[in-house]
PDB file of N, CA and C in Angstrom:
ATOM      1  N   MET A   1     -14.589  -7.512  24.727  1.00  0.00           N
ATOM      2  CA  MET A   1     -13.711  -6.427  24.307  1.00  0.00           C
ATOM      3  C   MET A   1     -14.396  -5.012  24.567  1.00  0.00           C
ATOM      4  N   THR A   2     -14.124  -4.351  24.993  1.00  0.00           N
ATOM      5  CA  THR A   2     -14.868  -2.963  25.601  1.00  0.00           C
ATOM      6  C   THR A   2     -15.474  -2.287  24.025  1.00  0.00           C
ATOM      7  N   ASP A   3     -16.275  -1.221  24.168  1.00  0.00           N
ATOM      8  CA  ASP A   3     -16.477  -0.456  23.102  1.00  0.00           C
ATOM      9  C   ASP A   3     -15.665   0.227  22.427  1.00  0.00           C
ATOM     10  N   CYS A   4     -14.755   1.040  23.174  1.00  0.00           N
ATOM     11  CA  CYS A   4     -13.887   1.895  22.670  1.00  0.00           C
ATOM     12  C   CYS A   4     -12.536   0.769  22.247  1.00  0.00           C
ATOM     13  N   ALA A   5     -12.120  -0.676  22.645  1.00  0.00           N
ATOM     14  CA  ALA A   5     -11.161  -1.399  21.841  1.00  0.00           C
ATOM     15  C   ALA A   5     -11.886  -1.868  20.603  1.00  0.00           C
ATOM     16  N   ALA A   6     -13.127  -2.048  20.250  1.00  0.00           N
ATOM     17  CA  ALA A   6     -13.867  -2.392  19.170  1.00  0.00           C
ATOM     18  C   ALA A   6     -13.942  -1.599  18.422  1.00  0.00           C
ATOM     19  N   LYS A   7     -14.092  -0.201  18.544  1.00  0.00           N
ATOM     20  CA  LYS A   7     -14.138   1.102  17.883  1.00  0.00           C
ATOM     21  C   LYS A   7     -12.424   1.119  17.286  1.00  0.00           C
ATOM     22  N   ALA A   8     -11.900   1.031  18.307  1.00  0.00           N
ATOM     23  CA  ALA A   8     -10.355   0.977  17.757  1.00  0.00           C
ATOM     24  C   ALA A   8      -9.901  -0.191  16.666  1.00  0.00           C
ATOM     25  N   ALA A   9     -10.496  -1.284  17.011  1.00  0.00           N
ATOM     26  CA  ALA A   9     -10.089  -2.453  16.160  1.00  0.00           C
ATOM     27  C   ALA A   9     -10.764  -2.480  14.600  1.00  0.00           C
ATOM     28  N   GLN A  10     -11.869  -1.674  14.660  1.00  0.00           N
ATOM     29  CA  GLN A  10     -13.225  -1.206  13.315  1.00  0.00           C
ATOM     30  C   GLN A  10     -11.877  -0.427  12.420  1.00  0.00           C
ATOM     31  N   LEU A  11     -11.354   0.715  13.003  1.00  0.00           N
ATOM     32  CA  LEU A  11     -10.578   1.654  12.642  1.00  0.00           C
ATOM     33  C   LEU A  11      -9.275   1.200  12.243  1.00  0.00           C
ATOM     34  N   LEU A  12      -8.507   0.516  13.168  1.00  0.00           N
ATOM     35  CA  LEU A  12      -7.573  -0.176  11.902  1.00  0.00           C
ATOM     36  C   LEU A  12      -7.875  -1.178  11.036  1.00  0.00           C
ATOM     37  N   LYS A  13      -8.964  -1.862  10.989  1.00  0.00           N
ATOM     38  CA  LYS A  13      -9.189  -2.368   9.821  1.00  0.00           C
ATOM     39  C   LYS A  13      -9.674  -1.640   8.778  1.00  0.00           C
ATOM     40  N   ASP A  14     -10.293  -1.032   8.960  1.00  0.00           N
ATOM     41  CA  ASP A  14     -10.565   0.295   7.928  1.00  0.00           C
ATOM     42  C   ASP A  14      -9.166   0.883   7.237  1.00  0.00           C
ATOM     43  N   HIS A  15      -8.528   1.561   8.118  1.00  0.00           N
ATOM     44  CA  HIS A  15      -6.759   1.759   7.339  1.00  0.00           C
ATOM     45  C   HIS A  15      -6.287   0.909   6.804  1.00  0.00           C
ATOM     46  N   ARG A  16      -6.246  -0.722   7.202  1.00  0.00           N
ATOM     47  CA  ARG A  16      -5.715  -1.721   6.718  1.00  0.00           C
ATOM     48  C   ARG A  16      -6.270  -1.787   5.226  1.00  0.00           C
ATOM     49  N   ASP A  17      -7.537  -1.545   5.310  1.00  0.00           N
ATOM     50  CA  ASP A  17      -8.311  -1.975   3.900  1.00  0.00           C
ATOM     51  C   ASP A  17      -7.952  -1.165   3.009  1.00  0.00           C
ATOM     52  N   SER A  18      -7.543   0.119   3.619  1.00  0.00           N
ATOM     53  CA  SER A  18      -7.770   1.475   2.649  1.00  0.00           C
ATOM     54  C   SER A  18      -5.859   1.111   2.354  1.00  0.00           C
ATOM     55  N   ILE A  19      -4.856   0.996   2.993  1.00  0.00           N
ATOM     56  CA  ILE A  19      -3.663   0.541   2.735  1.00  0.00           C
ATOM     57  C   ILE A  19      -3.397  -1.042   1.513  1.00  0.00           C
ATOM     58  N   ASP A  20      -4.391  -1.228   1.746  1.00  0.00           N
ATOM     59  CA  ASP A  20      -4.150  -2.653   0.841  1.00  0.00           C
ATOM     60  C   ASP A  20      -4.353  -2.339  -0.413  1.00  0.00           C
ATOM     61  N   ARG A  21      -5.905  -1.624  -0.560  1.00  0.00           N
ATOM     62  CA  ARG A  21      -6.270  -0.883  -1.658  1.00  0.00           C
ATOM     63  C   ARG A  21      -5.369   0.098  -2.349  1.00  0.00           C
ATOM     64  N   LEU A  22      -4.912   0.884  -1.781  1.00  0.00           N
ATOM     65  CA  LEU A  22      -3.496   1.937  -2.019  1.00  0.00           C
ATOM     66  C   LEU A  22      -2.038   0.884  -2.860  1.00  0.00           C
ATOM     67  N   ASP A  23      -1.994  -0.277  -1.991  1.00  0.00           N
ATOM     68  CA  ASP A  23      -0.559  -0.856  -2.781  1.00  0.00           C
ATOM     69  C   ASP A  23      -1.293  -1.348  -3.753  1.00  0.00           C
ATOM     70  N   ALA A  24      -2.399  -2.210  -4.087  1.00  0.00           N
ATOM     71  CA  ALA A  24      -2.913  -2.610  -5.310  1.00  0.00           C
ATOM     72  C   ALA A  24      -2.564  -1.775  -6.262  1.00  0.00           C
ATOM     73  N   ILE A  25      -2.724  -0.175  -6.143  1.00  0.00           N
ATOM     74  CA  ILE A  25      -3.012   0.921  -6.926  1.00  0.00           C
ATOM     75  C   ILE A  25      -1.402   0.906  -7.519  1.00  0.00           C
ATOM     76  N   LEU A  26      -0.600   1.529  -6.439  1.00  0.00           N
ATOM     77  CA  LEU A  26       0.384   1.318  -6.494  1.00  0.00           C
ATOM     78  C   LEU A  26       1.582   0.346  -7.158  1.00  0.00           C
ATOM     79  N   VAL A  27       1.012  -1.009  -7.411  1.00  0.00           N
ATOM     80  CA  VAL A  27       1.662  -2.248  -8.155  1.00  0.00           C
ATOM     81  C   VAL A  27       1.008  -1.997  -9.529  1.00  0.00           C
ATOM     82  N   TYR A  28      -0.201  -2.040  -9.385  1.00  0.00           N
ATOM     83  CA  TYR A  28      -0.837  -2.050 -10.925  1.00  0.00           C
ATOM     84  C   TYR A  28      -0.302  -0.750 -11.829  1.00  0.00           C
ATOM     85  N   THR A  29      -0.002   0.997 -11.470  1.00  0.00           N
ATOM     86  CA  THR A  29       0.738   1.801 -11.824  1.00  0.00           C
ATOM     87  C   THR A  29       2.006   1.764 -12.002  1.00  0.00           C
ATOM     88  N   LEU A  30       2.978   0.948 -11.132  1.00  0.00           N
ATOM     89  CA  LEU A  30       4.287   0.878 -11.368  1.00  0.00           C
ATOM     90  C   LEU A  30       4.401  -0.135 -12.921  1.00  0.00           C
ATOM     91  N   GLY A  31       3.499  -1.479 -12.850  1.00  0.00           N
ATOM     92  CA  GLY A  31       3.366  -2.413 -13.532  1.00  0.00           C
ATOM     93  C   GLY A  31       2.900  -1.543 -15.614  1.00  0.00           C
ATOM     94  N   GLU A  32       2.178  -0.509 -14.887  1.00  0.00           N
ATOM     95  CA  GLU A  32       1.439   0.371 -16.717  1.00  0.00           C
ATOM     96  C   GLU A  32       2.830   1.280 -16.946  1.00  0.00           C
ATOM     97  N   ARG A  33       3.743   1.717 -15.526  1.00  0.00           N
ATOM     98  CA  ARG A  33       4.798   2.642 -16.067  1.00  0.00           C
ATOM     99  C   ARG A  33       5.870   1.935 -16.844  1.00  0.00           C
ATOM    100  N   PHE A  34       6.401   0.525 -16.165  1.00  0.00           N
ATOM    101  CA  PHE A  34       7.501  -0.208 -16.655  1.00  0.00           C
ATOM    102  C   PHE A  34       7.149  -0.668 -18.404  1.00  0.00           C
ATOM    103  N   LYS A  35       6.020  -1.087 -18.213  1.00  0.00           N
ATOM    104  CA  LYS A  35       5.472  -0.714 -19.602  1.00  0.00           C
ATOM    105  C   LYS A  35       5.976  -0.020 -21.108  1.00  0.00           C
ATOM    106  N   HIS A  36       5.612   1.042 -20.323  1.00  0.00           N
ATOM    107  CA  HIS A  36       5.990   2.482 -21.560  1.00  0.00           C
ATOM    108  C   HIS A  36       7.281   2.358 -21.172  1.00  0.00           C
ATOM    109  N   THR A  37       8.346   2.138 -20.123  1.00  0.00           N
ATOM    110  CA  THR A  37       9.496   2.489 -20.255  1.00  0.00           C
ATOM    111  C   THR A  37      10.041   0.977 -21.268  1.00  0.00           C
ATOM    112  N   GLN A  38       9.531   0.126 -20.660  1.00  0.00           N
ATOM    113  CA  GLN A  38      10.464  -0.858 -22.035  1.00  0.00           C
ATOM    114  C   GLN A  38       9.804  -0.680 -23.168  1.00  0.00           C
ATOM    115  N   SER A  39       8.763   0.037 -23.712  1.00  0.00           N
ATOM    116  CA  SER A  39       8.615   0.840 -24.805  1.00  0.00           C
ATOM    117  C   SER A  39       9.837   1.448 -25.394  1.00  0.00           C
ATOM    118  N   VAL A  40      10.228   2.363 -24.895  1.00  0.00           N
ATOM    119  CA  VAL A  40      11.122   3.223 -24.256  1.00  0.00           C
ATOM    120  C   VAL A  40      12.392   2.779 -24.929  1.00  0.00           C
ATOM    121  N   GLY A  41      12.614   1.550 -24.502  1.00  0.00           N
ATOM    122  CA  GLY A  41      14.214   1.360 -24.080  1.00  0.00           C
ATOM    123  C   GLY A  41      14.247   0.141 -25.440  1.00  0.00           C
ATOM    124  N   ARG A  42      13.258  -0.390 -25.907  1.00  0.00           N
ATOM    125  CA  ARG A  42      13.074  -0.840 -27.322  1.00  0.00           C
ATOM    126  C   ARG A  42      13.312   0.312 -28.529  1.00  0.00           C
ATOM    127  N   LEU A  43      12.976   1.227 -28.451  1.00  0.00           N
ATOM    128  CA  LEU A  43      12.767   2.627 -28.996  1.00  0.00           C
ATOM    129  C   LEU A  43      14.037   2.599 -29.358  1.00  0.00           C
ATOM    130  N   LYS A  44      15.013   3.241 -27.995  1.00  0.00           N
ATOM    131  CA  LYS A  44      16.207   3.588 -27.745  1.00  0.00           C
ATOM    132  C   LYS A  44      16.831   2.584 -28.772  1.00  0.00           C
ATOM    133  N   ALA A  45      17.256   1.530 -28.464  1.00  0.00           N
ATOM    134  CA  ALA A  45      17.919   0.161 -28.873  1.00  0.00           C
ATOM    135  C   ALA A  45      17.796   0.512 -30.196  1.00  0.00           C
ATOM    136  N   GLU A  46      16.665   0.648 -30.870  1.00  0.00           N
ATOM    137  CA  GLU A  46      16.402   0.608 -32.484  1.00  0.00           C
ATOM    138  C   GLU A  46      17.313   1.681 -32.865  1.00  0.00           C
ATOM    139  N   HIS A  47      17.243   2.776 -32.370  1.00  0.00           N
ATOM    140  CA  HIS A  47      18.035   3.915 -33.059  1.00  0.00           C
ATOM    141  C   HIS A  47      18.765   4.270 -32.303  1.00  0.00           C
ATOM    142  N   ASP A  48      19.931   3.553 -31.775  1.00  0.00           N
ATOM    143  CA  ASP A  48      21.266   3.440 -30.864  1.00  0.00           C
ATOM    144  C   ASP A  48      21.168   4.760 -29.896  1.00  0.00           C
ATOM    145  N   LEU A  49      19.984   4.953 -29.676  1.00  0.00           N
ATOM    146  CA  LEU A  49      19.950   6.179 -28.360  1.00  0.00           C
ATOM    147  C   LEU A  49      20.324   5.523 -26.857  1.00  0.00           C
ATOM    148  N   PRO A  50      21.468   6.445 -26.408  1.00  0.00           N
ATOM    149  CA  PRO A  50      22.015   5.798 -24.967  1.00  0.00           C
ATOM    150  C   PRO A  50      20.562   5.395 -24.278  1.00  0.00           C
ATOM    151  N   PRO A  51      21.113   4.597 -23.086  1.00  0.00           N
ATOM    152  CA  PRO A  51      19.927   3.943 -22.167  1.00  0.00           C
ATOM    153  C   PRO A  51      19.577   5.565 -21.102  1.00  0.00           C
ATOM    154  N   SER A  52      20.727   5.549 -20.966  1.00  0.00           N
ATOM    155  CA  SER A  52      20.163   6.597 -19.850  1.00  0.00           C
ATOM    156  C   SER A  52      19.770   8.406 -20.496  1.00  0.00           C
ATOM    157  N   ASP A  53      19.377   9.132 -19.711  1.00  0.00           N
ATOM    158  CA  ASP A  53      19.043  10.639 -20.216  1.00  0.00           C
ATOM    159  C   ASP A  53      19.470  11.358 -19.166  1.00  0.00           C
ATOM    160  N   PRO A  54      20.232  11.689 -18.918  1.00  0.00           N
ATOM    161  CA  PRO A  54      20.543  12.623 -17.402  1.00  0.00           C
ATOM    162  C   PRO A  54      19.777  13.819 -17.107  1.00  0.00           C
ATOM    163  N   ALA A  55      19.725  14.451 -18.483  1.00  0.00           N
ATOM    164  CA  ALA A  55      18.651  15.970 -18.341  1.00  0.00           C
ATOM    165  C   ALA A  55      17.425  15.607 -17.851  1.00  0.00           C
ATOM    166  N   ARG A  56      16.588  14.586 -18.911  1.00  0.00           N
ATOM    167  CA  ARG A  56      15.207  14.242 -18.044  1.00  0.00           C
ATOM    168  C   ARG A  56      15.243  14.021 -17.029  1.00  0.00           C
ATOM    169  N   GLU A  57      16.481  12.972 -16.454  1.00  0.00           N
ATOM    170  CA  GLU A  57      16.680  12.350 -14.867  1.00  0.00           C
ATOM    171  C   GLU A  57      16.397  13.567 -14.126  1.00  0.00           C
ATOM    172  N   ALA A  58      17.323  14.811 -14.291  1.00  0.00           N
ATOM    173  CA  ALA A  58      17.288  15.534 -13.510  1.00  0.00           C
ATOM    174  C   ALA A  58      15.789  16.137 -13.079  1.00  0.00           C
ATOM    175  N   ALA A  59      15.142  16.695 -14.503  1.00  0.00           N
ATOM    176  CA  ALA A  59      13.990  17.232 -14.554  1.00  0.00           C
ATOM    177  C   ALA A  59      12.880  16.464 -13.521  1.00  0.00           C
ATOM    178  N   GLN A  60      12.961  15.479 -13.844  1.00  0.00           N
ATOM    179  CA  GLN A  60      12.020  14.009 -13.337  1.00  0.00           C
ATOM    180  C   GLN A  60      11.827  14.239 -12.009  1.00  0.00           C
ATOM    181  N   ILE A  61      13.131  14.152 -11.600  1.00  0.00           N
ATOM    182  CA  ILE A  61      13.310  14.292  -9.907  1.00  0.00           C
ATOM    183  C   ILE A  61      13.017  15.739  -9.450  1.00  0.00           C
ATOM    184  N   ALA A  62      13.183  16.592  -9.826  1.00  0.00           N
ATOM    185  CA  ALA A  62      12.989  17.908  -9.580  1.00  0.00           C
ATOM    186  C   ALA A  62      11.509  18.204  -9.565  1.00  0.00           C
ATOM    187  N   ARG A  63      10.856  17.190 -10.627  1.00  0.00           N
ATOM    188  CA  ARG A  63       9.320  17.494 -11.024  1.00  0.00           C
ATOM    189  C   ARG A  63       8.627  16.599  -9.531  1.00  0.00           C
ATOM    190  N   LEU A  64       9.336  15.862  -9.438  1.00  0.00           N
ATOM    191  CA  LEU A  64       9.048  14.662  -7.965  1.00  0.00           C
ATOM    192  C   LEU A  64       9.137  15.501  -6.525  1.00  0.00           C
ATOM    193  N   GLU A  65      10.153  16.123  -6.585  1.00  0.00           N
ATOM    194  CA  GLU A  65      10.317  16.844  -5.400  1.00  0.00           C
ATOM    195  C   GLU A  65       9.283  18.109  -5.279  1.00  0.00           C
ATOM    196  N   ASP A  66       8.534  18.431  -6.108  1.00  0.00           N
ATOM    197  CA  ASP A  66       7.925  18.983  -6.114  1.00  0.00           C
ATOM    198  C   ASP A  66       6.323  18.690  -5.486  1.00  0.00           C
ATOM    199  N   LEU A  67       6.085  18.015  -6.714  1.00  0.00           N
ATOM    200  CA  LEU A  67       4.883  16.832  -6.314  1.00  0.00           C
ATOM    201  C   LEU A  67       4.995  16.328  -4.700  1.00  0.00           C
ATOM    202  N   ALA A  68       5.729  15.872  -4.564  1.00  0.00           N
ATOM    203  CA  ALA A  68       5.946  15.456  -3.413  1.00  0.00           C
ATOM    204  C   ALA A  68       5.645  16.757  -2.376  1.00  0.00           C
ATOM    205  N   ASN A  69       6.385  18.062  -2.398  1.00  0.00           N
ATOM    206  CA  ASN A  69       6.224  18.695  -1.304  1.00  0.00           C
ATOM    207  C   ASN A  69       4.588  19.195  -1.537  1.00  0.00           C
ATOM    208  N   GLN A  70       4.235  18.892  -2.450  1.00  0.00           N
ATOM    209  CA  GLN A  70       2.501  19.884  -2.698  1.00  0.00           C
ATOM    210  C   GLN A  70       1.633  18.245  -2.013  1.00  0.00           C
ATOM    211  N   ALA A  71       2.173  17.059  -1.855  1.00  0.00           N
ATOM    212  CA  ALA A  71       1.526  16.117  -1.390  1.00  0.00           C
ATOM    213  C   ALA A  71       1.646  15.577   0.316  1.00  0.00           C
ATOM    214  N   ASP A  72       2.395  16.796   0.882  1.00  0.00           N
ATOM    215  CA  ASP A  72       2.699  16.444   2.066  1.00  0.00           C
ATOM    216  C   ASP A  72       3.941  15.070   2.379  1.00  0.00           C
ATOM    217  N   LEU A  73       4.327  14.990   1.131  1.00  0.00           N
ATOM    218  CA  LEU A  73       5.336  13.656   1.476  1.00  0.00           C
ATOM    219  C   LEU A  73       6.606  14.256   1.422  1.00  0.00           C
ATOM    220  N   ASP A  74       7.690  13.478   2.348  1.00  0.00           N
ATOM    221  CA  ASP A  74       9.028  14.083   2.336  1.00  0.00           C
ATOM    222  C   ASP A  74       9.285  13.897   0.975  1.00  0.00           C
ATOM    223  N   PRO A  75      10.249  15.019   0.645  1.00  0.00           N
ATOM    224  CA  PRO A  75      10.851  14.768  -0.761  1.00  0.00           C
ATOM    225  C   PRO A  75      11.720  13.948  -1.027  1.00  0.00           C
ATOM    226  N   GLU A  76      12.754  13.753  -0.013  1.00  0.00           N
ATOM    227  CA  GLU A  76      13.749  12.909   0.378  1.00  0.00           C
ATOM    228  C   GLU A  76      13.568  11.378  -0.243  1.00  0.00           C
ATOM    229  N   PHE A  77      12.356  11.024   0.309  1.00  0.00           N
ATOM    230  CA  PHE A  77      12.069   9.681   0.173  1.00  0.00           C
ATOM    231  C   PHE A  77      11.406   9.574  -1.337  1.00  0.00           C
ATOM    232  N   ALA A  78      10.923  10.676  -2.027  1.00  0.00           N
ATOM    233  CA  ALA A  78      10.445  10.810  -2.751  1.00  0.00           C
ATOM    234  C   ALA A  78      11.486  11.119  -3.835  1.00  0.00           C
ATOM    235  N   LYS A  79      12.268  11.237  -3.554  1.00  0.00           N
ATOM    236  CA  LYS A  79      13.362  11.357  -4.463  1.00  0.00           C
ATOM    237  C   LYS A  79      14.647  10.023  -4.509  1.00  0.00           C
ATOM    238  N   LYS A  80      14.602   9.487  -3.727  1.00  0.00           N
ATOM    239  CA  LYS A  80      15.271   8.218  -3.356  1.00  0.00           C
ATOM    240  C   LYS A  80      14.443   6.855  -4.308  1.00  0.00           C
ATOM    241  N   PHE A  81      12.674   6.781  -3.995  1.00  0.00           N
ATOM    242  CA  PHE A  81      11.755   5.977  -4.669  1.00  0.00           C
ATOM    243  C   PHE A  81      12.057   6.509  -6.192  1.00  0.00           C
ATOM    244  N   LEU A  82      12.230   7.653  -6.495  1.00  0.00           N
ATOM    245  CA  LEU A  82      12.359   8.059  -8.263  1.00  0.00           C
ATOM    246  C   LEU A  82      13.612   7.542  -8.710  1.00  0.00           C
ATOM    247  N   ASN A  83      14.703   7.487  -7.949  1.00  0.00           N
ATOM    248  CA  ASN A  83      15.969   6.822  -8.263  1.00  0.00           C
ATOM    249  C   ASN A  83      15.943   5.693  -8.513  1.00  0.00           C
ATOM    250  N   PHE A  84      15.438   5.466  -7.399  1.00  0.00           N
ATOM    251  CA  PHE A  84      15.205   3.439  -7.506  1.00  0.00           C
ATOM    252  C   PHE A  84      14.510   3.205  -9.132  1.00  0.00           C
ATOM    253  N   ILE A  85      13.556   3.406  -9.186  1.00  0.00           N
ATOM    254  CA  ILE A  85      12.980   3.319 -10.669  1.00  0.00           C
ATOM    255  C   ILE A  85      13.578   3.287 -11.881  1.00  0.00           C
ATOM    256  N   ILE A  86      14.356   4.801 -11.461  1.00  0.00           N
ATOM    257  CA  ILE A  86      15.114   5.257 -12.880  1.00  0.00           C
ATOM    258  C   ILE A  86      16.511   4.191 -12.854  1.00  0.00           C
ATOM    259  N   ALA A  87      17.391   3.950 -11.596  1.00  0.00           N
ATOM    260  CA  ALA A  87      18.265   2.656 -12.150  1.00  0.00           C
ATOM    261  C   ALA A  87      17.665   1.002 -12.455  1.00  0.00           C
ATOM    262  N   GLU A  88      16.223   0.916 -12.191  1.00  0.00           N
ATOM    263  CA  GLU A  88      15.708  -0.186 -12.799  1.00  0.00           C
ATOM    264  C   GLU A  88      15.487   0.047 -14.339  1.00  0.00           C
ATOM    265  N   VAL A  89      14.857   0.916 -14.560  1.00  0.00           N
ATOM    266  CA  VAL A  89      14.703   1.253 -16.045  1.00  0.00           C
ATOM    267  C   VAL A  89      15.948   1.522 -16.724  1.00  0.00           C
ATOM    268  N   ILE A  90      16.877   2.087 -16.553  1.00  0.00           N
ATOM    269  CA  ILE A  90      17.995   2.210 -17.198  1.00  0.00           C
ATOM    270  C   ILE A  90      18.773   0.809 -17.084  1.00  0.00           C
ATOM    271  N   GLN A  91      18.735  -0.269 -16.510  1.00  0.00           N
ATOM    272  CA  GLN A  91      19.167  -1.517 -16.667  1.00  0.00           C
ATOM    273  C   GLN A  91      18.130  -2.312 -17.639  1.00  0.00           C
ATOM    274  N   HIS A  92      17.181  -2.110 -17.634  1.00  0.00           N
ATOM    275  CA  HIS A  92      16.033  -2.366 -18.483  1.00  0.00           C
ATOM    276  C   HIS A  92      16.604  -2.185 -20.116  1.00  0.00           C
ATOM    277  N   HIS A  93      16.792  -1.132 -20.208  1.00  0.00           N
ATOM    278  CA  HIS A  93      17.005  -0.341 -20.986  1.00  0.00           C
ATOM    279  C   HIS A  93      18.629  -0.921 -21.853  1.00  0.00           C
ATOM    280  N   LYS A  94      19.668  -1.113 -21.162  1.00  0.00           N
ATOM    281  CA  LYS A  94      20.660  -1.599 -21.637  1.00  0.00           C
ATOM    282  C   LYS A  94      20.356  -3.084 -21.360  1.00  0.00           C
ATOM    283  N   GLN A  95      19.459  -3.914 -21.259  1.00  0.00           N
ATOM    284  CA  GLN A  95      19.504  -5.068 -21.543  1.00  0.00           C
ATOM    285  C   GLN A  95      18.654  -5.139 -22.871  1.00  0.00           C
ATOM    286  N   HIS A  96      17.880  -4.261 -23.496  1.00  0.00           N
ATOM    287  CA  HIS A  96      17.371  -3.960 -24.609  1.00  0.00           C
ATOM    288  C   HIS A  96      18.730  -3.413 -25.674  1.00  0.00           C
ATOM    289  N   GLN A  97      19.809  -3.077 -25.429  1.00  0.00           N
ATOM    290  CA  GLN A  97      20.834  -3.028 -26.357  1.00  0.00           C
ATOM    291  C   GLN A  97      21.837  -3.750 -26.602  1.00  0.00           C
ATOM    292  N   SER A  98      21.683  -4.617 -25.425  1.00  0.00           N
ATOM    293  CA  SER A  98      22.471  -5.986 -26.031  1.00  0.00           C
ATOM    294  C   SER A  98      21.864  -7.304 -26.980  1.00  0.00           C
TER     295      SER A  98
END
């Protein structure tokens, strides 16, 4: 292996190690987020509140779009990601109401 190829291989490994650490952070962060949304779902069920809050969801999407722009992340991707999470949360909230 040439010196350049060895350096490239090491850089690739370093990037992949960082990606693996970031993936772990994402998974643990989502786990923590869903613990809180499960609590919200139980609270809503106990007080006969609707599983969905369109005003809150719209505010969160706008907030996330702004954060995405600040982070140099495609805001459309951020919206799709949050919409996916919101749909999952609403399903969990509906399950609590059953």
